[in-house]
């Protein structure tokens, strides 16, 4: 079949990874999600940024923001800052703003 690449990651791998991530989003606590996203940001930054920039749906965008808000409410401000520094560190320059715009656009959809 035809395969394309985002940041060195094949579309087939992205599709499988995204299905797993979406299932994870729907079934885990905000703290568990932060652990998984931190791991991905540190160990697989290209895959994480590709997933977030190219595969996010309006439903997933809403769920991510709800999970992020819940994690912020449960943790300390210092913990939230540290998490988002690592998370956004997975994105190349300018991609973090693009991701934020995608989240906002999908939430409004």
N, C-alpha and C. Protein backbone atom coordinates (compact mmCIF):
# COMPACT_ATOMS: atom_id res chain seq x y z
N UNK A 1 0.81 -1.18 0.00
CA UNK A 1 0.00 0.00 0.00
C UNK A 1 0.86 1.25 0.00
N UNK A 2 0.19 2.36 -0.19
CA UNK A 2 0.87 3.64 -0.21
C UNK A 2 1.13 4.09 1.22
N UNK A 3 2.32 4.61 1.43
CA UNK A 3 2.69 5.10 2.75
C UNK A 3 3.38 6.45 2.58
N UNK A 4 3.06 7.38 3.45
CA UNK A 4 3.76 8.66 3.44
C UNK A 4 4.37 8.85 4.82
N UNK A 5 5.23 9.88 4.93
CA UNK A 5 5.96 10.06 6.18
C UNK A 5 5.76 11.45 6.73
N UNK A 6 5.68 11.54 8.05
CA UNK A 6 5.63 12.81 8.78
C UNK A 6 6.81 12.78 9.74
N UNK A 7 7.75 13.67 9.56
CA UNK A 7 8.87 13.74 10.50
C UNK A 7 9.62 12.44 10.63
N UNK A 8 9.71 11.65 9.55
CA UNK A 8 10.44 10.39 9.59
C UNK A 8 9.62 9.21 10.09
N UNK A 9 8.32 9.41 10.34
CA UNK A 9 7.46 8.35 10.85
C UNK A 9 6.44 8.01 9.78
N UNK A 10 6.30 6.72 9.44
CA UNK A 10 5.38 6.34 8.38
C UNK A 10 3.93 6.55 8.80
N UNK A 11 3.06 6.75 7.80
CA UNK A 11 1.64 6.99 8.08
C UNK A 11 0.98 5.77 8.73
N UNK A 12 1.42 4.58 8.36
CA UNK A 12 0.84 3.38 8.98
C UNK A 12 1.14 3.33 10.47
N UNK A 13 2.38 3.63 10.82
CA UNK A 13 2.75 3.65 12.24
C UNK A 13 1.99 4.76 12.96
N UNK A 14 1.83 5.91 12.32
CA UNK A 14 1.08 7.00 12.93
C UNK A 14 -0.37 6.60 13.17
N UNK A 15 -0.98 5.96 12.19
CA UNK A 15 -2.38 5.55 12.34
C UNK A 15 -2.55 4.58 13.50
N UNK A 16 -1.68 3.60 13.58
CA UNK A 16 -1.75 2.64 14.69
C UNK A 16 -1.50 3.33 16.02
N UNK A 17 -0.48 4.18 16.05
CA UNK A 17 -0.15 4.88 17.29
C UNK A 17 -1.30 5.79 17.70
N UNK A 18 -1.93 6.45 16.73
CA UNK A 18 -3.02 7.35 17.07
C UNK A 18 -4.21 6.60 17.62
N UNK A 19 -4.53 5.45 17.05
CA UNK A 19 -5.64 4.65 17.58
C UNK A 19 -5.36 4.26 19.02
N UNK A 20 -4.12 3.88 19.32
CA UNK A 20 -3.76 3.52 20.69
C UNK A 20 -3.82 4.74 21.60
N UNK A 21 -3.34 5.87 21.12
CA UNK A 21 -3.36 7.08 21.94
C UNK A 21 -4.78 7.54 22.21
N UNK A 22 -5.65 7.50 21.20
CA UNK A 22 -7.04 7.88 21.42
C UNK A 22 -7.70 6.96 22.44
N UNK A 23 -7.47 5.65 22.33
CA UNK A 23 -8.02 4.72 23.32
C UNK A 23 -7.49 5.05 24.71
N UNK A 24 -6.21 5.38 24.77
CA UNK A 24 -5.60 5.76 26.05
C UNK A 24 -6.25 7.03 26.60
N UNK A 25 -6.47 8.00 25.74
CA UNK A 25 -7.09 9.26 26.17
C UNK A 25 -8.45 9.02 26.80
N UNK A 26 -9.21 8.12 26.21
CA UNK A 26 -10.56 7.88 26.68
C UNK A 26 -10.61 7.01 27.93
N UNK A 27 -9.53 6.34 28.28
CA UNK A 27 -9.62 5.36 29.35
C UNK A 27 -8.70 5.62 30.55
N UNK A 28 -7.95 6.70 30.56
CA UNK A 28 -6.97 6.91 31.62
C UNK A 28 -7.21 8.21 32.38
N UNK A 29 -6.55 8.31 33.49
CA UNK A 29 -6.62 9.52 34.30
C UNK A 29 -5.74 10.60 33.68
N UNK A 30 -5.97 11.85 34.03
CA UNK A 30 -5.09 12.92 33.53
C UNK A 30 -3.62 12.70 33.88
N UNK A 31 -3.35 12.18 35.07
CA UNK A 31 -1.96 11.92 35.47
C UNK A 31 -1.33 10.85 34.59
N UNK A 32 -2.08 9.80 34.28
CA UNK A 32 -1.58 8.74 33.38
C UNK A 32 -1.28 9.30 32.00
N UNK A 33 -2.16 10.18 31.53
CA UNK A 33 -1.95 10.79 30.22
C UNK A 33 -0.67 11.62 30.22
N UNK A 34 -0.45 12.39 31.28
CA UNK A 34 0.78 13.19 31.35
C UNK A 34 2.02 12.31 31.33
N UNK A 35 1.97 11.19 32.03
CA UNK A 35 3.12 10.27 32.03
C UNK A 35 3.37 9.75 30.61
N UNK A 36 2.31 9.34 29.92
CA UNK A 36 2.47 8.81 28.56
C UNK A 36 2.98 9.88 27.59
N UNK A 37 2.42 11.07 27.68
CA UNK A 37 2.85 12.13 26.77
C UNK A 37 4.27 12.60 27.09
N UNK A 38 4.64 12.60 28.36
CA UNK A 38 6.02 12.94 28.73
C UNK A 38 6.98 11.92 28.15
N UNK A 39 6.64 10.64 28.28
CA UNK A 39 7.48 9.58 27.71
C UNK A 39 7.62 9.77 26.20
N UNK A 40 6.50 10.00 25.53
CA UNK A 40 6.55 10.18 24.07
C UNK A 40 7.38 11.41 23.71
N UNK A 41 7.22 12.49 24.46
CA UNK A 41 7.96 13.72 24.17
C UNK A 41 9.46 13.52 24.32
N UNK A 42 9.86 12.74 25.31
CA UNK A 42 11.28 12.52 25.56
C UNK A 42 11.88 11.44 24.67
N UNK A 43 11.12 10.38 24.43
CA UNK A 43 11.66 9.23 23.69
C UNK A 43 11.31 9.23 22.20
N UNK A 44 10.18 9.83 21.85
CA UNK A 44 9.70 9.79 20.46
C UNK A 44 9.13 11.15 20.06
N UNK A 45 9.92 12.22 20.14
CA UNK A 45 9.37 13.55 19.89
C UNK A 45 8.82 13.74 18.48
N UNK A 46 9.46 13.16 17.47
CA UNK A 46 8.95 13.31 16.10
C UNK A 46 7.60 12.64 15.95
N UNK A 47 7.43 11.48 16.55
CA UNK A 47 6.15 10.78 16.47
C UNK A 47 5.07 11.57 17.20
N UNK A 48 5.38 12.08 18.38
CA UNK A 48 4.39 12.85 19.14
C UNK A 48 3.97 14.10 18.37
N UNK A 49 4.92 14.85 17.87
CA UNK A 49 4.54 16.07 17.15
C UNK A 49 3.77 15.73 15.87
N UNK A 50 4.15 14.67 15.18
CA UNK A 50 3.41 14.26 13.98
C UNK A 50 1.97 13.87 14.31
N UNK A 51 1.81 13.11 15.37
CA UNK A 51 0.46 12.72 15.79
C UNK A 51 -0.37 13.95 16.13
N UNK A 52 0.20 14.84 16.90
CA UNK A 52 -0.55 16.01 17.35
C UNK A 52 -0.84 17.00 16.22
N UNK A 53 0.06 17.09 15.27
CA UNK A 53 -0.13 18.06 14.19
C UNK A 53 -0.96 17.52 13.03
N UNK A 54 -0.95 16.20 12.82
CA UNK A 54 -1.55 15.65 11.61
C UNK A 54 -2.71 14.69 11.84
N UNK A 55 -2.93 14.26 13.07
CA UNK A 55 -3.96 13.24 13.30
C UNK A 55 -5.05 13.64 14.27
N UNK A 56 -4.96 14.82 14.86
CA UNK A 56 -5.91 15.17 15.91
C UNK A 56 -7.29 15.50 15.32
N UNK A 57 -8.32 14.97 15.94
CA UNK A 57 -9.69 15.22 15.51
C UNK A 57 -10.34 16.20 16.49
N UNK A 58 -11.48 16.77 16.13
CA UNK A 58 -12.16 17.65 17.08
C UNK A 58 -12.49 16.98 18.40
N UNK A 59 -12.90 15.72 18.36
CA UNK A 59 -13.21 15.00 19.60
C UNK A 59 -11.96 14.82 20.45
N UNK A 60 -10.87 14.45 19.81
CA UNK A 60 -9.63 14.26 20.54
C UNK A 60 -9.10 15.58 21.08
N UNK A 61 -9.25 16.65 20.32
CA UNK A 61 -8.82 17.97 20.79
C UNK A 61 -9.58 18.36 22.05
N UNK A 62 -10.86 18.12 22.04
CA UNK A 62 -11.68 18.44 23.23
C UNK A 62 -11.25 17.58 24.41
N UNK A 63 -11.05 16.29 24.17
CA UNK A 63 -10.64 15.39 25.24
C UNK A 63 -9.28 15.77 25.79
N UNK A 64 -8.34 16.11 24.93
CA UNK A 64 -7.02 16.53 25.39
C UNK A 64 -7.11 17.76 26.29
N UNK A 65 -7.88 18.74 25.87
CA UNK A 65 -7.97 19.95 26.68
C UNK A 65 -8.66 19.68 28.01
N UNK A 66 -9.67 18.82 28.02
CA UNK A 66 -10.31 18.45 29.29
C UNK A 66 -9.31 17.74 30.20
N UNK A 67 -8.54 16.80 29.64
CA UNK A 67 -7.54 16.08 30.42
C UNK A 67 -6.45 17.03 30.92
N UNK A 68 -5.99 17.95 30.07
CA UNK A 68 -4.98 18.91 30.49
C UNK A 68 -5.51 19.79 31.62
N UNK A 69 -6.75 20.26 31.50
CA UNK A 69 -7.35 21.09 32.55
C UNK A 69 -7.49 20.32 33.86
N UNK A 70 -7.91 19.07 33.77
CA UNK A 70 -8.04 18.24 34.98
C UNK A 70 -6.69 18.00 35.63
N UNK A 71 -5.67 17.75 34.82
CA UNK A 71 -4.32 17.54 35.37
C UNK A 71 -3.82 18.81 36.05
N UNK A 72 -4.09 19.97 35.43
CA UNK A 72 -3.70 21.24 36.03
C UNK A 72 -4.38 21.44 37.38
N UNK A 73 -5.65 21.07 37.46
CA UNK A 73 -6.41 21.24 38.71
C UNK A 73 -5.91 20.30 39.81
N UNK A 74 -5.42 19.14 39.42
CA UNK A 74 -4.96 18.15 40.40
C UNK A 74 -3.52 18.37 40.85
N UNK A 75 -2.72 18.99 40.00
CA UNK A 75 -1.29 19.14 40.30
C UNK A 75 -0.94 20.56 40.69
N UNK A 76 0.31 20.74 40.95
CA UNK A 76 0.82 22.06 41.31
C UNK A 76 1.13 22.86 40.04
N UNK A 77 1.16 24.19 40.15
CA UNK A 77 1.55 25.00 38.99
C UNK A 77 2.95 24.64 38.48
N UNK A 78 3.86 24.33 39.39
CA UNK A 78 5.22 23.96 38.98
C UNK A 78 5.20 22.66 38.17
N UNK A 79 4.38 21.71 38.60
CA UNK A 79 4.27 20.44 37.87
C UNK A 79 3.70 20.68 36.47
N UNK A 80 2.67 21.51 36.37
CA UNK A 80 2.07 21.81 35.07
C UNK A 80 3.07 22.49 34.15
N UNK A 81 3.81 23.45 34.67
CA UNK A 81 4.82 24.13 33.85
C UNK A 81 5.87 23.15 33.35
N UNK A 82 6.31 22.25 34.23
CA UNK A 82 7.33 21.26 33.85
C UNK A 82 6.79 20.31 32.78
N UNK A 83 5.54 19.86 32.96
CA UNK A 83 4.95 18.96 31.96
C UNK A 83 4.87 19.64 30.60
N UNK A 84 4.32 20.85 30.56
CA UNK A 84 4.15 21.52 29.27
C UNK A 84 5.48 21.90 28.64
N UNK A 85 6.49 22.17 29.45
CA UNK A 85 7.82 22.44 28.89
C UNK A 85 8.35 21.22 28.15
N UNK A 86 8.16 20.04 28.74
CA UNK A 86 8.60 18.80 28.10
C UNK A 86 7.73 18.49 26.88
N UNK A 87 6.40 18.61 27.06
CA UNK A 87 5.46 18.30 25.98
C UNK A 87 5.74 19.18 24.76
N UNK A 88 5.77 20.50 24.96
CA UNK A 88 6.00 21.40 23.83
C UNK A 88 7.43 21.34 23.33
N UNK A 89 8.34 20.82 24.12
CA UNK A 89 9.72 20.63 23.68
C UNK A 89 9.84 19.59 22.58
N UNK A 90 8.82 18.75 22.41
CA UNK A 90 8.83 17.75 21.35
C UNK A 90 8.59 18.38 19.97
N UNK A 91 8.04 19.57 19.96
CA UNK A 91 7.71 20.24 18.71
C UNK A 91 8.89 21.07 18.23
N UNK A 92 9.04 21.14 16.92
CA UNK A 92 10.05 22.02 16.33
C UNK A 92 9.58 23.47 16.47
N UNK A 93 10.51 24.38 16.25
CA UNK A 93 10.19 25.80 16.39
C UNK A 93 8.96 26.16 15.54
N UNK A 94 7.99 26.78 16.15
CA UNK A 94 6.77 27.19 15.47
C UNK A 94 5.68 26.15 15.48
N UNK A 95 6.03 24.89 15.63
CA UNK A 95 5.02 23.84 15.63
C UNK A 95 4.16 23.87 16.88
N UNK A 96 4.73 24.33 18.00
CA UNK A 96 3.94 24.39 19.22
C UNK A 96 2.77 25.36 19.06
N UNK A 97 3.01 26.50 18.41
CA UNK A 97 1.94 27.45 18.15
C UNK A 97 0.94 26.88 17.15
N UNK A 98 1.45 26.15 16.17
CA UNK A 98 0.56 25.50 15.20
C UNK A 98 -0.35 24.48 15.89
N UNK A 99 0.22 23.69 16.81
CA UNK A 99 -0.57 22.72 17.56
C UNK A 99 -1.64 23.43 18.37
N UNK A 100 -1.25 24.50 19.05
CA UNK A 100 -2.21 25.25 19.86
C UNK A 100 -3.34 25.78 18.98
N UNK A 101 -3.03 26.28 17.80
CA UNK A 101 -4.04 26.76 16.87
C UNK A 101 -4.96 25.63 16.41
N UNK A 102 -4.38 24.45 16.16
CA UNK A 102 -5.17 23.29 15.76
C UNK A 102 -6.14 22.92 16.87
N UNK A 103 -5.65 22.91 18.11
CA UNK A 103 -6.53 22.60 19.25
C UNK A 103 -7.70 23.58 19.29
N UNK A 104 -7.42 24.85 19.20
CA UNK A 104 -8.47 25.87 19.26
C UNK A 104 -9.45 25.72 18.10
N UNK A 105 -8.92 25.52 16.89
CA UNK A 105 -9.79 25.36 15.72
C UNK A 105 -10.70 24.15 15.87
N UNK A 106 -10.15 23.04 16.34
CA UNK A 106 -10.96 21.82 16.49
C UNK A 106 -11.96 21.95 17.63
N UNK A 107 -11.61 22.65 18.67
CA UNK A 107 -12.56 22.84 19.76
C UNK A 107 -13.75 23.69 19.31
N UNK A 108 -13.51 24.59 18.38
CA UNK A 108 -14.58 25.44 17.87
C UNK A 108 -15.41 24.75 16.80
N UNK A 109 -14.90 23.63 16.28
CA UNK A 109 -15.61 22.92 15.19
C UNK A 109 -16.87 22.23 15.69
